[in-house]
Amino acid sequence: MPDAPVLGAAATKKVKLEDSAFGSSFSAPLVHQSVRAEQAARRRGTAATKTRGKVSGGGAKPWRQKGTGRARAGSSRSPIWTGGGTVFGPQPRSYTFKVNRKEQRAALRSALSLHAGRGSIAILDASAFTAPKTSQALELLEDWAPAAGEGRRLSSTLVVVVPEESAAALSFRNLARVVVLSAEDVGVADLLGAAALVISEPALQALTARTGQPRKGDS
């Protein structure tokens, strides 16, 4: 069963991680599909163009049909005219697509197991933060950085807490290359994009519950 050290505690103090959530094999296809779905859902999809029915003007025929020597024209809103409508331009749309719940949970287990396997996960005792204090948060990360791997904290760190742990969240959020998220908002893309994962015990329980219980034979 994998474990994780507790920041600020004795070196021997560790927290056991659920093997069902942190001991799975890495499934690249499921992870790739889940990351694509999360990134697609974050797209705003508000790009829009005006068709010939939406641009102004063009109520009258520009010139008579014959006798001018020019090409026939029925409206100045034609797509071939400057200032005319756009043909097949982008319109507001949703980029989201569905990923099955079982696949989402398997991808989340893969991402968590990746951190557990390389030792880049640590447990945060959020009760130590009675008030927001950035220097205290920085000290915890610097003390743990050698154990997590050279340069990992300097690249990116994801801190996961629950809403009740606002003091800890405020302490970490002003640090460079540190992202603070709620346990309910963490996605597979967030976990893969972080070189190190720091999570409080209540958030650990919430995130473990989100992975679900795999059936026998599932990875």
C-alpha atoms as a PDB file:
ATOM      1  CA  MET A   1       0.000   0.000   0.000  1.00  0.00           C
ATOM      2  CA  PRO A   2       1.525   3.400  -0.964  1.00  0.00           C
ATOM      3  CA  ASP A   3       2.028   6.138   1.608  1.00  0.00           C
ATOM      4  CA  ALA A   4       2.778   9.859   1.722  1.00  0.00           C
ATOM      5  CA  PRO A   5       4.736  12.015   4.194  1.00  0.00           C
ATOM      6  CA  VAL A   6       3.046  14.641   6.351  1.00  0.00           C
ATOM      7  CA  LEU A   7       4.471  18.134   5.816  1.00  0.00           C
ATOM      8  CA  GLY A   8       5.921  19.730   8.914  1.00  0.00           C
ATOM      9  CA  ALA A   9       5.804  16.489  10.917  1.00  0.00           C
ATOM     10  CA  ALA A  10       8.518  14.031  11.842  1.00  0.00           C
ATOM     11  CA  ALA A  11      10.220  12.299   8.961  1.00  0.00           C
ATOM     12  CA  THR A  12       8.803   8.970  10.061  1.00  0.00           C
ATOM     13  CA  LYS A  13       5.172  10.129  10.076  1.00  0.00           C
ATOM     14  CA  LYS A  14       3.366   8.956   6.975  1.00  0.00           C
ATOM     15  CA  VAL A  15      -0.217   8.498   5.884  1.00  0.00           C
ATOM     16  CA  LYS A  16      -1.316   5.301   4.193  1.00  0.00           C
ATOM     17  CA  LEU A  17      -2.996   5.836   0.829  1.00  0.00           C
ATOM     18  CA  GLU A  18      -5.865   3.708  -0.387  1.00  0.00           C
ATOM     19  CA  ASP A  19      -4.481   1.113  -2.757  1.00  0.00           C
ATOM     20  CA  SER A  20      -7.704   1.175  -4.794  1.00  0.00           C
ATOM     21  CA  ALA A  21      -7.143   4.853  -5.646  1.00  0.00           C
ATOM     22  CA  PHE A  22      -3.347   5.210  -5.534  1.00  0.00           C
ATOM     23  CA  GLY A  23      -2.146   1.775  -6.591  1.00  0.00           C
ATOM     24  CA  SER A  24      -3.602   1.465 -10.093  1.00  0.00           C
ATOM     25  CA  SER A  25      -1.676   1.004 -13.303  1.00  0.00           C
ATOM     26  CA  PHE A  26      -1.450   3.965 -15.672  1.00  0.00           C
ATOM     27  CA  SER A  27      -3.957   3.870 -18.550  1.00  0.00           C
ATOM     28  CA  ALA A  28      -2.744   6.338 -21.183  1.00  0.00           C
ATOM     29  CA  PRO A  29      -5.818   6.117 -23.491  1.00  0.00           C
ATOM     30  CA  LEU A  30      -8.279   6.833 -20.671  1.00  0.00           C
ATOM     31  CA  VAL A  31      -6.135   9.650 -19.298  1.00  0.00           C
ATOM     32  CA  HIS A  32      -5.811  11.202 -22.748  1.00  0.00           C
ATOM     33  CA  GLN A  33      -9.557  11.032 -23.316  1.00  0.00           C
ATOM     34  CA  SER A  34     -10.346  12.581 -19.927  1.00  0.00           C
ATOM     35  CA  VAL A  35      -7.840  15.400 -20.373  1.00  0.00           C
ATOM     36  CA  ARG A  36      -9.302  16.197 -23.796  1.00  0.00           C
ATOM     37  CA  ALA A  37     -12.802  16.263 -22.327  1.00  0.00           C
ATOM     38  CA  GLU A  38     -11.774  18.567 -19.472  1.00  0.00           C
ATOM     39  CA  GLN A  39      -9.935  20.973 -21.742  1.00  0.00           C
ATOM     40  CA  ALA A  40     -12.800  20.987 -24.238  1.00  0.00           C
ATOM     41  CA  ALA A  41     -15.293  21.771 -21.471  1.00  0.00           C
ATOM     42  CA  ARG A  42     -13.205  24.801 -20.491  1.00  0.00           C
ATOM     43  CA  ARG A  43     -13.446  26.312 -23.974  1.00  0.00           C
ATOM     44  CA  ARG A  44     -15.860  29.223 -24.066  1.00  0.00           C
ATOM     45  CA  GLY A  45     -17.056  28.609 -27.614  1.00  0.00           C
ATOM     46  CA  THR A  46     -18.260  32.212 -28.086  1.00  0.00           C
ATOM     47  CA  ALA A  47     -16.660  32.924 -31.492  1.00  0.00           C
ATOM     48  CA  ALA A  48     -19.306  34.245 -33.875  1.00  0.00           C
ATOM     49  CA  THR A  49     -19.537  35.739 -37.367  1.00  0.00           C
ATOM     50  CA  LYS A  50     -22.373  37.466 -39.209  1.00  0.00           C
ATOM     51  CA  THR A  51     -24.018  35.791 -42.160  1.00  0.00           C
ATOM     52  CA  ARG A  52     -25.523  37.777 -45.019  1.00  0.00           C
ATOM     53  CA  GLY A  53     -28.805  37.773 -43.124  1.00  0.00           C
ATOM     54  CA  LYS A  54     -27.271  39.594 -40.150  1.00  0.00           C
ATOM     55  CA  VAL A  55     -25.139  42.353 -41.703  1.00  0.00           C
ATOM     56  CA  SER A  56     -26.677  45.761 -42.243  1.00  0.00           C
ATOM     57  CA  GLY A  57     -27.567  47.292 -45.596  1.00  0.00           C
ATOM     58  CA  GLY A  58     -28.288  45.573 -48.874  1.00  0.00           C
ATOM     59  CA  GLY A  59     -31.980  46.349 -48.974  1.00  0.00           C
ATOM     60  CA  ALA A  60     -31.902  47.653 -52.526  1.00  0.00           C
ATOM     61  CA  LYS A  61     -30.363  46.228 -55.662  1.00  0.00           C
ATOM     62  CA  PRO A  62     -27.011  48.050 -56.133  1.00  0.00           C
ATOM     63  CA  TRP A  63     -27.605  48.692 -59.851  1.00  0.00           C
ATOM     64  CA  ARG A  64     -29.901  47.543 -62.574  1.00  0.00           C
ATOM     65  CA  GLN A  65     -29.534  44.036 -63.935  1.00  0.00           C
ATOM     66  CA  LYS A  66     -28.394  44.964 -67.463  1.00  0.00           C
ATOM     67  CA  GLY A  67     -26.766  47.767 -69.354  1.00  0.00           C
ATOM     68  CA  THR A  68     -24.074  48.890 -66.883  1.00  0.00           C
ATOM     69  CA  GLY A  69     -21.273  46.599 -68.072  1.00  0.00           C
ATOM     70  CA  ARG A  70     -20.757  45.325 -64.557  1.00  0.00           C
ATOM     71  CA  ALA A  71     -21.456  41.908 -63.122  1.00  0.00           C
ATOM     72  CA  ARG A  72     -24.925  41.217 -61.832  1.00  0.00           C
ATOM     73  CA  ALA A  73     -25.462  42.082 -58.161  1.00  0.00           C
ATOM     74  CA  GLY A  74     -28.567  41.716 -56.076  1.00  0.00           C
ATOM     75  CA  SER A  75     -27.336  42.770 -52.655  1.00  0.00           C
ATOM     76  CA  SER A  76     -24.319  44.420 -51.047  1.00  0.00           C
ATOM     77  CA  ARG A  77     -24.552  41.807 -48.270  1.00  0.00           C
ATOM     78  CA  SER A  78     -23.197  39.140 -50.608  1.00  0.00           C
ATOM     79  CA  PRO A  79     -20.193  37.237 -49.182  1.00  0.00           C
ATOM     80  CA  ILE A  80     -18.032  38.312 -52.147  1.00  0.00           C
ATOM     81  CA  TRP A  81     -18.539  41.991 -51.297  1.00  0.00           C
ATOM     82  CA  THR A  82     -16.416  43.912 -48.818  1.00  0.00           C
ATOM     83  CA  GLY A  83     -18.484  44.265 -45.671  1.00  0.00           C
ATOM     84  CA  GLY A  84     -20.778  41.450 -46.741  1.00  0.00           C
ATOM     85  CA  GLY A  85     -21.757  38.371 -44.766  1.00  0.00           C
ATOM     86  CA  THR A  86     -19.462  35.465 -43.908  1.00  0.00           C
ATOM     87  CA  VAL A  87     -20.035  32.007 -45.320  1.00  0.00           C
ATOM     88  CA  PHE A  88     -19.579  29.012 -42.987  1.00  0.00           C
ATOM     89  CA  GLY A  89     -17.963  31.147 -40.299  1.00  0.00           C
ATOM     90  CA  PRO A  90     -17.759  30.072 -36.625  1.00  0.00           C
ATOM     91  CA  GLN A  91     -20.905  30.285 -34.532  1.00  0.00           C
ATOM     92  CA  PRO A  92     -21.377  29.920 -30.741  1.00  0.00           C
ATOM     93  CA  ARG A  93     -21.163  26.255 -29.827  1.00  0.00           C
ATOM     94  CA  SER A  94     -20.308  23.855 -27.036  1.00  0.00           C
ATOM     95  CA  TYR A  95     -17.152  21.773 -27.344  1.00  0.00           C
ATOM     96  CA  THR A  96     -18.024  19.365 -24.550  1.00  0.00           C
ATOM     97  CA  PHE A  97     -18.287  15.645 -25.141  1.00  0.00           C
ATOM     98  CA  LYS A  98     -19.206  12.829 -22.810  1.00  0.00           C
ATOM     99  CA  VAL A  99     -16.801  10.535 -21.032  1.00  0.00           C
ATOM    100  CA  ASN A 100     -18.325   7.630 -19.150  1.00  0.00           C
ATOM    101  CA  ARG A 101     -18.194   7.792 -15.365  1.00  0.00           C
ATOM    102  CA  LYS A 102     -16.258   4.532 -15.146  1.00  0.00           C
ATOM    103  CA  GLU A 103     -13.643   5.891 -17.553  1.00  0.00           C
ATOM    104  CA  GLN A 104     -13.404   9.178 -15.664  1.00  0.00           C
ATOM    105  CA  ARG A 105     -12.790   7.369 -12.390  1.00  0.00           C
ATOM    106  CA  ALA A 106     -10.173   5.098 -13.952  1.00  0.00           C
ATOM    107  CA  ALA A 107      -8.350   8.115 -15.400  1.00  0.00           C
ATOM    108  CA  LEU A 108      -8.431   9.864 -12.013  1.00  0.00           C
ATOM    109  CA  ARG A 109      -6.990   6.758 -10.344  1.00  0.00           C
ATOM    110  CA  SER A 110      -4.241   6.654 -12.970  1.00  0.00           C
ATOM    111  CA  ALA A 111      -3.263  10.273 -12.322  1.00  0.00           C
ATOM    112  CA  LEU A 112      -3.238   9.822  -8.536  1.00  0.00           C
ATOM    113  CA  SER A 113      -1.292   6.568  -8.793  1.00  0.00           C
ATOM    114  CA  LEU A 114       1.302   8.328 -10.936  1.00  0.00           C
ATOM    115  CA  HIS A 115       2.031  10.787  -8.115  1.00  0.00           C
ATOM    116  CA  ALA A 116       2.050   8.022  -5.524  1.00  0.00           C
ATOM    117  CA  GLY A 117       4.419   5.893  -7.593  1.00  0.00           C
ATOM    118  CA  ARG A 118       7.025   8.594  -8.037  1.00  0.00           C
ATOM    119  CA  GLY A 119       6.720   9.933  -4.477  1.00  0.00           C
ATOM    120  CA  SER A 120       5.516  13.385  -5.462  1.00  0.00           C
ATOM    121  CA  ILE A 121       2.546  13.496  -3.079  1.00  0.00           C
ATOM    122  CA  ALA A 122       2.516  14.869   0.471  1.00  0.00           C
ATOM    123  CA  ILE A 123      -0.175  15.343   3.126  1.00  0.00           C
ATOM    124  CA  LEU A 124      -0.891  18.809   4.506  1.00  0.00           C
ATOM    125  CA  ASP A 125      -1.968  19.386   8.095  1.00  0.00           C
ATOM    126  CA  ALA A 126      -4.224  22.368   7.422  1.00  0.00           C
ATOM    127  CA  SER A 127      -5.025  22.778  11.124  1.00  0.00           C
ATOM    128  CA  ALA A 128      -1.541  24.256  11.559  1.00  0.00           C
ATOM    129  CA  PHE A 129      -2.739  27.362   9.706  1.00  0.00           C
ATOM    130  CA  THR A 130      -4.803  29.356  12.188  1.00  0.00           C
ATOM    131  CA  ALA A 131      -4.484  32.399   9.931  1.00  0.00           C
ATOM    132  CA  PRO A 132      -3.176  32.979   6.397  1.00  0.00           C
ATOM    133  CA  LYS A 133       0.629  32.967   6.443  1.00  0.00           C
ATOM    134  CA  THR A 134       2.508  32.640   3.169  1.00  0.00           C
ATOM    135  CA  SER A 135       5.931  32.312   4.786  1.00  0.00           C
ATOM    136  CA  GLN A 136       4.756  29.246   6.716  1.00  0.00           C
ATOM    137  CA  ALA A 137       3.472  27.650   3.522  1.00  0.00           C
ATOM    138  CA  LEU A 138       6.716  28.385   1.690  1.00  0.00           C
ATOM    139  CA  GLU A 139       8.748  26.853   4.493  1.00  0.00           C
ATOM    140  CA  LEU A 140       6.742  23.626   4.344  1.00  0.00           C
ATOM    141  CA  LEU A 141       7.283  23.298   0.606  1.00  0.00           C
ATOM    142  CA  GLU A 142      10.987  24.060   0.820  1.00  0.00           C
ATOM    143  CA  ASP A 143      11.481  21.461   3.553  1.00  0.00           C
ATOM    144  CA  TRP A 144       9.730  18.820   1.472  1.00  0.00           C
ATOM    145  CA  ALA A 145      11.246  19.743  -1.922  1.00  0.00           C
ATOM    146  CA  PRO A 146      14.369  17.492  -1.618  1.00  0.00           C
ATOM    147  CA  ALA A 147      12.211  14.474  -0.815  1.00  0.00           C
ATOM    148  CA  ALA A 148       9.869  15.227  -3.718  1.00  0.00           C
ATOM    149  CA  GLY A 149      12.691  15.489  -6.229  1.00  0.00           C
ATOM    150  CA  GLU A 150      15.085  18.178  -7.379  1.00  0.00           C
ATOM    151  CA  GLY A 151      13.287  21.174  -8.841  1.00  0.00           C
ATOM    152  CA  ARG A 152       9.764  19.776  -8.537  1.00  0.00           C
ATOM    153  CA  ARG A 153       8.480  22.551  -6.330  1.00  0.00           C
ATOM    154  CA  LEU A 154      10.084  25.110  -8.591  1.00  0.00           C
ATOM    155  CA  SER A 155       8.202  23.829 -11.633  1.00  0.00           C
ATOM    156  CA  SER A 156       4.633  23.433 -10.366  1.00  0.00           C
ATOM    157  CA  THR A 157       2.795  22.344  -7.241  1.00  0.00           C
ATOM    158  CA  LEU A 158      -0.898  21.587  -6.845  1.00  0.00           C
ATOM    159  CA  VAL A 159      -2.393  22.148  -3.385  1.00  0.00           C
ATOM    160  CA  VAL A 160      -5.775  20.511  -2.783  1.00  0.00           C
ATOM    161  CA  VAL A 161      -7.923  21.530   0.183  1.00  0.00           C
ATOM    162  CA  VAL A 162     -11.586  21.654   1.185  1.00  0.00           C
ATOM    163  CA  PRO A 163     -13.568  24.923   1.510  1.00  0.00           C
ATOM    164  CA  GLU A 164     -13.329  24.848   5.306  1.00  0.00           C
ATOM    165  CA  GLU A 165      -9.526  25.128   5.102  1.00  0.00           C
ATOM    166  CA  SER A 166      -9.524  28.707   3.822  1.00  0.00           C
ATOM    167  CA  ALA A 167      -6.550  29.796   5.935  1.00  0.00           C
ATOM    168  CA  ALA A 168      -4.315  27.179   4.338  1.00  0.00           C
ATOM    169  CA  ALA A 169      -5.648  28.001   0.874  1.00  0.00           C
ATOM    170  CA  LEU A 170      -4.889  31.699   1.333  1.00  0.00           C
ATOM    171  CA  SER A 171      -1.405  30.840   2.592  1.00  0.00           C
ATOM    172  CA  PHE A 172      -0.433  28.867  -0.522  1.00  0.00           C
ATOM    173  CA  ARG A 173      -2.217  30.750  -3.280  1.00  0.00           C
ATOM    174  CA  ASN A 174       0.254  33.671  -3.451  1.00  0.00           C
ATOM    175  CA  LEU A 175       3.279  31.426  -4.011  1.00  0.00           C
ATOM    176  CA  ALA A 176       4.772  31.328  -7.486  1.00  0.00           C
ATOM    177  CA  ARG A 177       3.955  28.231  -9.562  1.00  0.00           C
ATOM    178  CA  VAL A 178       1.556  26.980  -6.878  1.00  0.00           C
ATOM    179  CA  VAL A 179      -2.092  26.342  -7.748  1.00  0.00           C
ATOM    180  CA  VAL A 180      -4.716  25.885  -5.027  1.00  0.00           C
ATOM    181  CA  LEU A 181      -7.906  23.991  -5.879  1.00  0.00           C
ATOM    182  CA  SER A 182     -10.830  22.506  -4.018  1.00  0.00           C
ATOM    183  CA  ALA A 183     -11.089  18.727  -3.913  1.00  0.00           C
ATOM    184  CA  GLU A 184     -14.288  18.914  -5.973  1.00  0.00           C
ATOM    185  CA  ASP A 185     -12.639  21.006  -8.711  1.00  0.00           C
ATOM    186  CA  VAL A 186      -9.526  18.913  -9.284  1.00  0.00           C
ATOM    187  CA  GLY A 187      -9.407  17.202 -12.656  1.00  0.00           C
ATOM    188  CA  VAL A 188      -7.102  14.748 -14.361  1.00  0.00           C
ATOM    189  CA  ALA A 189      -5.489  17.563 -16.352  1.00  0.00           C
ATOM    190  CA  ASP A 190      -4.701  19.449 -13.122  1.00  0.00           C
ATOM    191  CA  LEU A 191      -3.050  16.395 -11.575  1.00  0.00           C
ATOM    192  CA  LEU A 192      -0.957  15.634 -14.646  1.00  0.00           C
ATOM    193  CA  GLY A 193       0.105  19.259 -15.037  1.00  0.00           C
ATOM    194  CA  ALA A 194       1.535  19.399 -11.513  1.00  0.00           C
ATOM    195  CA  ALA A 195       4.989  18.090 -10.695  1.00  0.00           C
ATOM    196  CA  ALA A 196       4.050  17.734  -7.012  1.00  0.00           C
ATOM    197  CA  LEU A 197       0.773  17.222  -5.178  1.00  0.00           C
ATOM    198  CA  VAL A 198       0.058  18.533  -1.668  1.00  0.00           C
ATOM    199  CA  ILE A 199      -3.308  17.522  -0.247  1.00  0.00           C
ATOM    200  CA  SER A 200      -5.004  17.856   3.126  1.00  0.00           C
ATOM    201  CA  GLU A 201      -6.491  14.801   4.825  1.00  0.00           C
ATOM    202  CA  PRO A 202     -10.158  15.866   4.342  1.00  0.00           C
ATOM    203  CA  ALA A 203      -9.414  16.623   0.690  1.00  0.00           C
ATOM    204  CA  LEU A 204      -7.664  13.268   0.391  1.00  0.00           C
ATOM    205  CA  GLN A 205     -10.798  11.501   1.596  1.00  0.00           C
ATOM    206  CA  ALA A 206     -12.987  13.496  -0.803  1.00  0.00           C
ATOM    207  CA  LEU A 207     -10.684  12.838  -3.760  1.00  0.00           C
ATOM    208  CA  THR A 208     -10.443   9.140  -2.916  1.00  0.00           C
ATOM    209  CA  ALA A 209     -14.238   8.935  -2.816  1.00  0.00           C
ATOM    210  CA  ARG A 210     -14.391  10.476  -6.299  1.00  0.00           C
ATOM    211  CA  THR A 211     -12.322   7.639  -7.723  1.00  0.00           C
ATOM    212  CA  GLY A 212     -15.032   5.123  -6.852  1.00  0.00           C
ATOM    213  CA  GLN A 213     -14.422   1.475  -6.078  1.00  0.00           C
ATOM    214  CA  PRO A 214     -13.066  -0.423  -9.085  1.00  0.00           C
ATOM    215  CA  ARG A 215     -14.646  -3.744  -9.916  1.00  0.00           C
ATOM    216  CA  LYS A 216     -12.670  -6.935  -9.712  1.00  0.00           C
ATOM    217  CA  GLY A 217     -10.304  -7.152 -12.649  1.00  0.00           C
ATOM    218  CA  ASP A 218     -10.291  -3.361 -13.312  1.00  0.00           C
ATOM    219  CA  SER A 219      -6.989  -1.532 -13.175  1.00  0.00           C
END
